């Protein structure tokens, strides 16, 4: 992907019943990783969606981050020793509070 101008690439995976096999794999490239949305920006965008009545029954910020969580063997095969700690899925405290209240 570097030959195409991407400085970093990541593999993501989502499951959905509306797709024939239920699984969609994707390869995403970043030309400038410093411009990636940070967790607080993602949460602010999601809160705005909810406030504006644009909430969906599928998407939530944890799903976006979790799409990049892979089994350890796959992670090591793709990324090797590369530091990918910026991709770790950390549920924001507001999401944890929301989930806790609804249980």
N, C-alpha and C. Protein backbone atom coordinates (compact mmCIF):
# COMPACT_ATOMS: atom_id res chain seq x y z
N UNK A 1 0.82 -1.19 0.00
CA UNK A 1 0.00 0.00 0.00
C UNK A 1 0.87 1.27 0.00
N UNK A 2 2.10 1.15 0.48
CA UNK A 2 2.99 2.31 0.49
C UNK A 2 3.24 2.81 -0.93
N UNK A 3 3.30 1.88 -1.89
CA UNK A 3 3.53 2.29 -3.28
C UNK A 3 2.39 3.13 -3.82
N UNK A 4 1.22 3.02 -3.19
CA UNK A 4 0.05 3.79 -3.61
C UNK A 4 -0.10 5.09 -2.82
N UNK A 5 0.85 5.38 -1.93
CA UNK A 5 0.81 6.62 -1.18
C UNK A 5 0.22 6.51 0.21
N UNK A 6 -0.07 5.30 0.67
CA UNK A 6 -0.63 5.12 2.01
C UNK A 6 0.50 4.82 2.99
N UNK A 7 0.51 5.57 4.10
CA UNK A 7 1.57 5.37 5.09
C UNK A 7 1.25 4.23 6.03
N UNK A 8 -0.04 3.93 6.20
CA UNK A 8 -0.43 2.87 7.12
C UNK A 8 -1.68 2.19 6.58
N UNK A 9 -1.75 0.89 6.73
CA UNK A 9 -2.95 0.17 6.31
C UNK A 9 -3.40 -0.73 7.44
N UNK A 10 -4.69 -0.99 7.50
CA UNK A 10 -5.28 -1.83 8.53
C UNK A 10 -6.35 -2.71 7.92
N UNK A 11 -6.48 -3.91 8.48
CA UNK A 11 -7.54 -4.83 8.08
C UNK A 11 -8.66 -4.73 9.09
N UNK A 12 -9.88 -4.66 8.61
CA UNK A 12 -11.04 -4.63 9.49
C UNK A 12 -12.03 -5.69 9.08
N UNK A 13 -12.92 -6.05 9.98
CA UNK A 13 -13.88 -7.11 9.73
C UNK A 13 -15.19 -6.75 10.41
N UNK A 14 -16.29 -6.89 9.68
CA UNK A 14 -17.60 -6.67 10.29
C UNK A 14 -18.51 -7.84 9.94
N UNK A 15 -19.47 -8.07 10.79
CA UNK A 15 -20.47 -9.11 10.57
C UNK A 15 -21.83 -8.43 10.43
N UNK A 16 -22.58 -8.85 9.44
CA UNK A 16 -23.92 -8.29 9.25
C UNK A 16 -24.80 -9.32 8.54
N UNK A 17 -26.02 -9.44 8.99
CA UNK A 17 -26.93 -10.42 8.40
C UNK A 17 -27.42 -9.99 7.02
N UNK A 18 -27.27 -8.72 6.69
CA UNK A 18 -27.76 -8.26 5.39
C UNK A 18 -26.79 -8.55 4.24
N UNK A 19 -25.62 -9.11 4.56
CA UNK A 19 -24.66 -9.48 3.53
C UNK A 19 -24.71 -10.99 3.36
N UNK A 20 -24.57 -11.47 2.14
CA UNK A 20 -24.77 -12.87 1.81
C UNK A 20 -24.07 -13.84 2.76
N UNK A 21 -22.79 -13.66 3.00
CA UNK A 21 -22.07 -14.59 3.88
C UNK A 21 -22.07 -14.13 5.32
N UNK A 22 -22.55 -12.91 5.58
CA UNK A 22 -22.58 -12.38 6.93
C UNK A 22 -21.28 -11.74 7.36
N UNK A 23 -20.24 -11.84 6.55
CA UNK A 23 -18.93 -11.31 6.92
C UNK A 23 -18.39 -10.42 5.81
N UNK A 24 -17.89 -9.26 6.18
CA UNK A 24 -17.26 -8.36 5.23
C UNK A 24 -15.87 -8.02 5.76
N UNK A 25 -14.85 -8.29 4.98
CA UNK A 25 -13.49 -7.91 5.33
C UNK A 25 -13.10 -6.69 4.52
N UNK A 26 -12.30 -5.82 5.11
CA UNK A 26 -11.92 -4.61 4.39
C UNK A 26 -10.48 -4.25 4.68
N UNK A 27 -9.83 -3.69 3.71
CA UNK A 27 -8.48 -3.18 3.87
C UNK A 27 -8.57 -1.67 3.72
N UNK A 28 -8.16 -0.95 4.75
CA UNK A 28 -8.25 0.50 4.76
C UNK A 28 -6.86 1.10 4.77
N UNK A 29 -6.66 2.15 4.02
CA UNK A 29 -5.37 2.82 3.97
C UNK A 29 -5.47 4.24 4.50
N UNK A 30 -4.41 4.67 5.18
CA UNK A 30 -4.34 6.04 5.69
C UNK A 30 -3.15 6.73 5.05
N UNK A 31 -3.39 7.87 4.45
CA UNK A 31 -2.28 8.63 3.88
C UNK A 31 -1.58 9.43 4.95
N UNK A 32 -2.32 9.90 5.96
CA UNK A 32 -1.73 10.65 7.06
C UNK A 32 -2.37 10.20 8.37
N UNK A 33 -1.76 9.21 9.05
CA UNK A 33 -2.34 8.68 10.29
C UNK A 33 -2.58 9.73 11.37
N UNK A 34 -1.88 10.86 11.33
CA UNK A 34 -2.09 11.88 12.35
C UNK A 34 -3.45 12.55 12.23
N UNK A 35 -4.11 12.39 11.08
CA UNK A 35 -5.43 12.99 10.87
C UNK A 35 -6.58 12.06 11.24
N UNK A 36 -6.27 10.85 11.70
CA UNK A 36 -7.31 9.89 12.08
C UNK A 36 -8.17 10.46 13.18
N UNK A 37 -9.46 10.13 13.15
CA UNK A 37 -10.37 10.59 14.19
C UNK A 37 -9.98 9.95 15.52
N UNK A 38 -9.88 10.76 16.53
CA UNK A 38 -9.59 10.28 17.87
C UNK A 38 -10.90 9.89 18.54
N UNK A 39 -10.79 9.14 19.63
CA UNK A 39 -11.98 8.61 20.29
C UNK A 39 -12.96 9.69 20.73
N UNK A 40 -12.46 10.81 21.23
CA UNK A 40 -13.36 11.87 21.67
C UNK A 40 -14.12 12.49 20.49
N UNK A 41 -13.48 12.56 19.32
CA UNK A 41 -14.14 13.10 18.13
C UNK A 41 -15.22 12.13 17.65
N UNK A 42 -14.91 10.85 17.68
CA UNK A 42 -15.89 9.83 17.29
C UNK A 42 -17.10 9.87 18.21
N UNK A 43 -16.87 9.98 19.53
CA UNK A 43 -17.97 10.05 20.48
C UNK A 43 -18.80 11.31 20.29
N UNK A 44 -18.16 12.44 20.03
CA UNK A 44 -18.89 13.69 19.81
C UNK A 44 -19.76 13.58 18.56
N UNK A 45 -19.23 12.96 17.51
CA UNK A 45 -20.00 12.78 16.28
C UNK A 45 -21.20 11.87 16.54
N UNK A 46 -21.00 10.80 17.33
CA UNK A 46 -22.09 9.89 17.65
C UNK A 46 -23.16 10.58 18.49
N UNK A 47 -22.75 11.36 19.49
CA UNK A 47 -23.72 12.09 20.31
C UNK A 47 -24.55 13.04 19.46
N UNK A 48 -23.90 13.68 18.48
CA UNK A 48 -24.63 14.59 17.58
C UNK A 48 -25.65 13.82 16.74
N UNK A 49 -25.28 12.62 16.30
CA UNK A 49 -26.21 11.78 15.54
C UNK A 49 -27.44 11.46 16.38
N UNK A 50 -27.21 11.05 17.62
CA UNK A 50 -28.31 10.70 18.52
C UNK A 50 -29.19 11.92 18.79
N UNK A 51 -28.55 13.05 19.09
CA UNK A 51 -29.28 14.28 19.38
C UNK A 51 -30.14 14.72 18.21
N UNK A 52 -29.64 14.51 16.99
CA UNK A 52 -30.37 14.92 15.78
C UNK A 52 -31.35 13.87 15.28
N UNK A 53 -31.55 12.81 16.07
CA UNK A 53 -32.48 11.76 15.67
C UNK A 53 -31.95 10.87 14.55
N UNK A 54 -30.64 10.83 14.37
CA UNK A 54 -30.03 10.05 13.29
C UNK A 54 -29.40 8.76 13.79
N UNK A 55 -29.77 8.35 15.00
CA UNK A 55 -29.22 7.13 15.58
C UNK A 55 -29.68 5.93 14.75
N UNK A 56 -28.79 4.96 14.59
CA UNK A 56 -29.16 3.75 13.87
C UNK A 56 -29.28 2.59 14.85
N UNK A 57 -29.82 1.49 14.41
CA UNK A 57 -29.92 0.31 15.27
C UNK A 57 -28.68 -0.57 15.14
N UNK A 58 -27.73 -0.17 14.31
CA UNK A 58 -26.53 -0.99 14.10
C UNK A 58 -25.27 -0.32 14.62
N UNK A 59 -25.01 0.90 14.21
CA UNK A 59 -23.74 1.56 14.51
C UNK A 59 -23.67 2.11 15.93
N UNK A 60 -22.52 1.97 16.53
CA UNK A 60 -22.13 2.67 17.75
C UNK A 60 -20.61 2.73 17.76
N UNK A 61 -20.00 3.67 18.48
CA UNK A 61 -18.53 3.85 18.43
C UNK A 61 -17.73 2.60 18.76
N UNK A 62 -18.20 1.78 19.69
CA UNK A 62 -17.47 0.55 20.02
C UNK A 62 -17.38 -0.39 18.83
N UNK A 63 -18.40 -0.40 17.99
CA UNK A 63 -18.39 -1.24 16.79
C UNK A 63 -17.31 -0.76 15.82
N UNK A 64 -17.17 0.55 15.69
CA UNK A 64 -16.16 1.11 14.80
C UNK A 64 -14.76 0.70 15.24
N UNK A 65 -14.48 0.83 16.52
CA UNK A 65 -13.15 0.45 17.03
C UNK A 65 -12.98 -1.06 17.02
N UNK A 66 -14.03 -1.79 17.40
CA UNK A 66 -13.94 -3.24 17.49
C UNK A 66 -13.75 -3.92 16.15
N UNK A 67 -14.10 -3.25 15.06
CA UNK A 67 -13.94 -3.85 13.74
C UNK A 67 -12.48 -4.14 13.43
N UNK A 68 -11.57 -3.53 14.18
CA UNK A 68 -10.15 -3.72 13.94
C UNK A 68 -9.50 -4.67 14.95
N UNK A 69 -10.30 -5.25 15.84
CA UNK A 69 -9.77 -6.24 16.78
C UNK A 69 -9.70 -7.59 16.07
N UNK A 70 -8.51 -8.16 16.03
CA UNK A 70 -8.29 -9.44 15.35
C UNK A 70 -7.78 -10.47 16.35
N UNK A 71 -7.95 -11.77 16.04
CA UNK A 71 -7.29 -12.77 16.87
C UNK A 71 -5.78 -12.51 16.88
N UNK A 72 -5.11 -12.86 17.97
CA UNK A 72 -3.69 -12.54 18.12
C UNK A 72 -2.85 -13.07 16.97
N UNK A 73 -3.11 -14.32 16.53
CA UNK A 73 -2.29 -14.89 15.45
C UNK A 73 -2.43 -14.07 14.16
N UNK A 74 -3.65 -13.57 13.88
CA UNK A 74 -3.87 -12.77 12.67
C UNK A 74 -3.22 -11.41 12.82
N UNK A 75 -3.35 -10.82 13.99
CA UNK A 75 -2.73 -9.52 14.25
C UNK A 75 -1.21 -9.60 14.05
N UNK A 76 -0.59 -10.63 14.61
CA UNK A 76 0.86 -10.78 14.48
C UNK A 76 1.27 -11.08 13.05
N UNK A 77 0.47 -11.85 12.32
CA UNK A 77 0.80 -12.17 10.93
C UNK A 77 0.74 -10.92 10.04
N UNK A 78 -0.21 -10.03 10.33
CA UNK A 78 -0.37 -8.83 9.51
C UNK A 78 0.57 -7.72 9.95
N UNK A 79 0.65 -7.45 11.25
CA UNK A 79 1.38 -6.29 11.75
C UNK A 79 2.74 -6.60 12.34
N UNK A 80 3.01 -7.87 12.64
CA UNK A 80 4.30 -8.22 13.23
C UNK A 80 4.53 -7.50 14.54
N UNK A 81 5.67 -6.85 14.66
CA UNK A 81 6.05 -6.14 15.88
C UNK A 81 5.62 -4.67 15.88
N UNK A 82 4.91 -4.24 14.85
CA UNK A 82 4.50 -2.83 14.75
C UNK A 82 3.64 -2.43 15.95
N UNK A 83 3.87 -1.24 16.47
CA UNK A 83 3.08 -0.73 17.58
C UNK A 83 1.72 -0.30 17.06
N UNK A 84 0.69 -1.03 17.43
CA UNK A 84 -0.67 -0.69 17.00
C UNK A 84 -1.54 -0.33 18.21
N UNK A 85 -0.91 0.15 19.27
CA UNK A 85 -1.66 0.46 20.49
C UNK A 85 -2.71 1.55 20.26
N UNK A 86 -2.53 2.37 19.24
CA UNK A 86 -3.53 3.40 18.96
C UNK A 86 -4.82 2.80 18.43
N UNK A 87 -4.81 1.52 18.09
CA UNK A 87 -6.00 0.86 17.57
C UNK A 87 -6.78 0.09 18.64
N UNK A 88 -6.25 0.06 19.86
CA UNK A 88 -6.91 -0.70 20.91
C UNK A 88 -8.30 -0.16 21.18
N UNK A 89 -9.22 -1.06 21.41
CA UNK A 89 -10.60 -0.67 21.67
C UNK A 89 -10.78 -0.38 23.15
N UNK A 90 -11.01 0.88 23.47
CA UNK A 90 -11.29 1.29 24.84
C UNK A 90 -12.69 1.89 24.85
N UNK A 91 -13.60 1.23 25.52
CA UNK A 91 -14.96 1.77 25.60
C UNK A 91 -14.94 3.05 26.42
N UNK A 92 -15.41 4.15 25.86
CA UNK A 92 -15.46 5.40 26.61
C UNK A 92 -16.34 5.24 27.84
N UNK A 93 -16.02 5.94 28.91
CA UNK A 93 -16.77 5.81 30.16
C UNK A 93 -18.25 6.11 29.95
N UNK A 94 -18.58 7.02 29.02
CA UNK A 94 -19.98 7.35 28.77
C UNK A 94 -20.71 6.15 28.19
N UNK A 95 -20.05 5.39 27.34
CA UNK A 95 -20.66 4.20 26.75
C UNK A 95 -20.84 3.13 27.83
N UNK A 96 -19.83 2.96 28.67
CA UNK A 96 -19.91 1.98 29.75
C UNK A 96 -21.06 2.34 30.69
N UNK A 97 -21.19 3.63 31.03
CA UNK A 97 -22.28 4.08 31.90
C UNK A 97 -23.64 3.80 31.27
N UNK A 98 -23.76 4.08 29.97
CA UNK A 98 -25.02 3.85 29.27
C UNK A 98 -25.38 2.38 29.29
N UNK A 99 -24.42 1.52 28.99
CA UNK A 99 -24.67 0.08 28.96
C UNK A 99 -25.01 -0.45 30.36
N UNK A 100 -24.36 0.09 31.37
CA UNK A 100 -24.60 -0.35 32.74
C UNK A 100 -26.00 0.03 33.20
N UNK A 101 -26.45 1.24 32.85
CA UNK A 101 -27.78 1.71 33.25
C UNK A 101 -28.89 0.89 32.62
N UNK A 102 -28.66 0.41 31.36
CA UNK A 102 -29.73 -0.30 30.66
C UNK A 102 -29.81 -1.76 31.07
N UNK A 103 -28.85 -2.28 31.88
CA UNK A 103 -28.91 -3.69 32.26
C UNK A 103 -29.69 -3.88 33.53
